[in-house]
Amino acid sequence: MTVDRFGLEGRVAIVTGGGKGIGAAAAVALAEAGADVLLVARTAADLDEVAEGVVGTGRRCETLAGDVNDTEVLATAVDRAVAAFGHLDIVVNNAGGSLSRPFLATTVGQLERAFHFNVSVPFELSRLAVPHLLEREGASIVNISSIAGRQAVRGGMTHSLTKAAESQLTRLMAAELAPRIRVNAVLPGAVETEALADYLDAFGPDVRDAMRHRTLLRRNGTPDDIAAAVVFLASPAASWITGKLLEVDGGAEENLIPHDLPDLDPRDPATVAPPPVRPARTEP
């Protein structure tokens, strides 16, 4: 095996949530491997900054400012990538996230919004991209799900449920699109994006120290850790891998963040009142 098996020279990728965090790191890593990239995110200024990093690798970059929850933005992303670069090889469904609350504090509306963001959006972008991907040898879709989808921890209802659905979507898409298009997912653990770092800073060092202690490698992840997995799954080195869920979490325990949610007690209204919202990655 040579390093060329990890190369993406001549490939074209779409990355959603590409303005910061995991999406930004993935875009630059794909470019370093040789791919041209179309970035999608809500904030134009963020996109411009990441685009500079992509262009700095010697690759081409296009940006699209828009909310991926709007399916018209998804269609525009596919059309613009093909118009700008001539074809499409890779889709990275990175944008996603949700706010989790305990069961009795969760509403149907919250669930439906989270399902749209974490399941319907990657489904629709992939569906729109498939006709173009079918024209290319070695085409690949990489979804960014979460280890939360494999866990059942109090207070994590919405994020865990919808990320479990995204992981299953990955496996079903792999079955439907084989053998022409490979579909896999990366399942990050605690990655210190700007949002998570701000949350941990607000709660003091004890929470961050607890997370590190509950992770075998004794550190939280970085966006670059996830970006490396994305490049691998999109590259020829993973040409015999599809339908897989790759956990990149440093060997984290299931209950990574300590919670003190009490058992439900109808005599104690405090046990059924909404506690503070748990943050989750949200990068449309």
Foldseek 3Di string as FASTA:
>chain_A
DDPLQLADALAEEEFELCLFFLNLLLLLLNLLSHYEYEYEFADPVSVVVSQVSSVVSVHHYHYDHDDLLPVVSLLVSLVVRCVVRVAHAEYEAEFAFAWFWFDLVDDPVRLVVRLSRLPVSVVSSCVSRVVRNLVDALGEYEYEAACLLVADDGRGPRNNVNSVVNLVVQLVVCVVNPPRYAGEYEHEYQEPIVVSVVVDVVVDDPQLQQLLVQAQQSHFHYSNLVSVVSSCCSGSVVNVDHSYYHYRYNRGDRPRGDDDQDDDDPVDVVNSDIDDIDGIDGRD
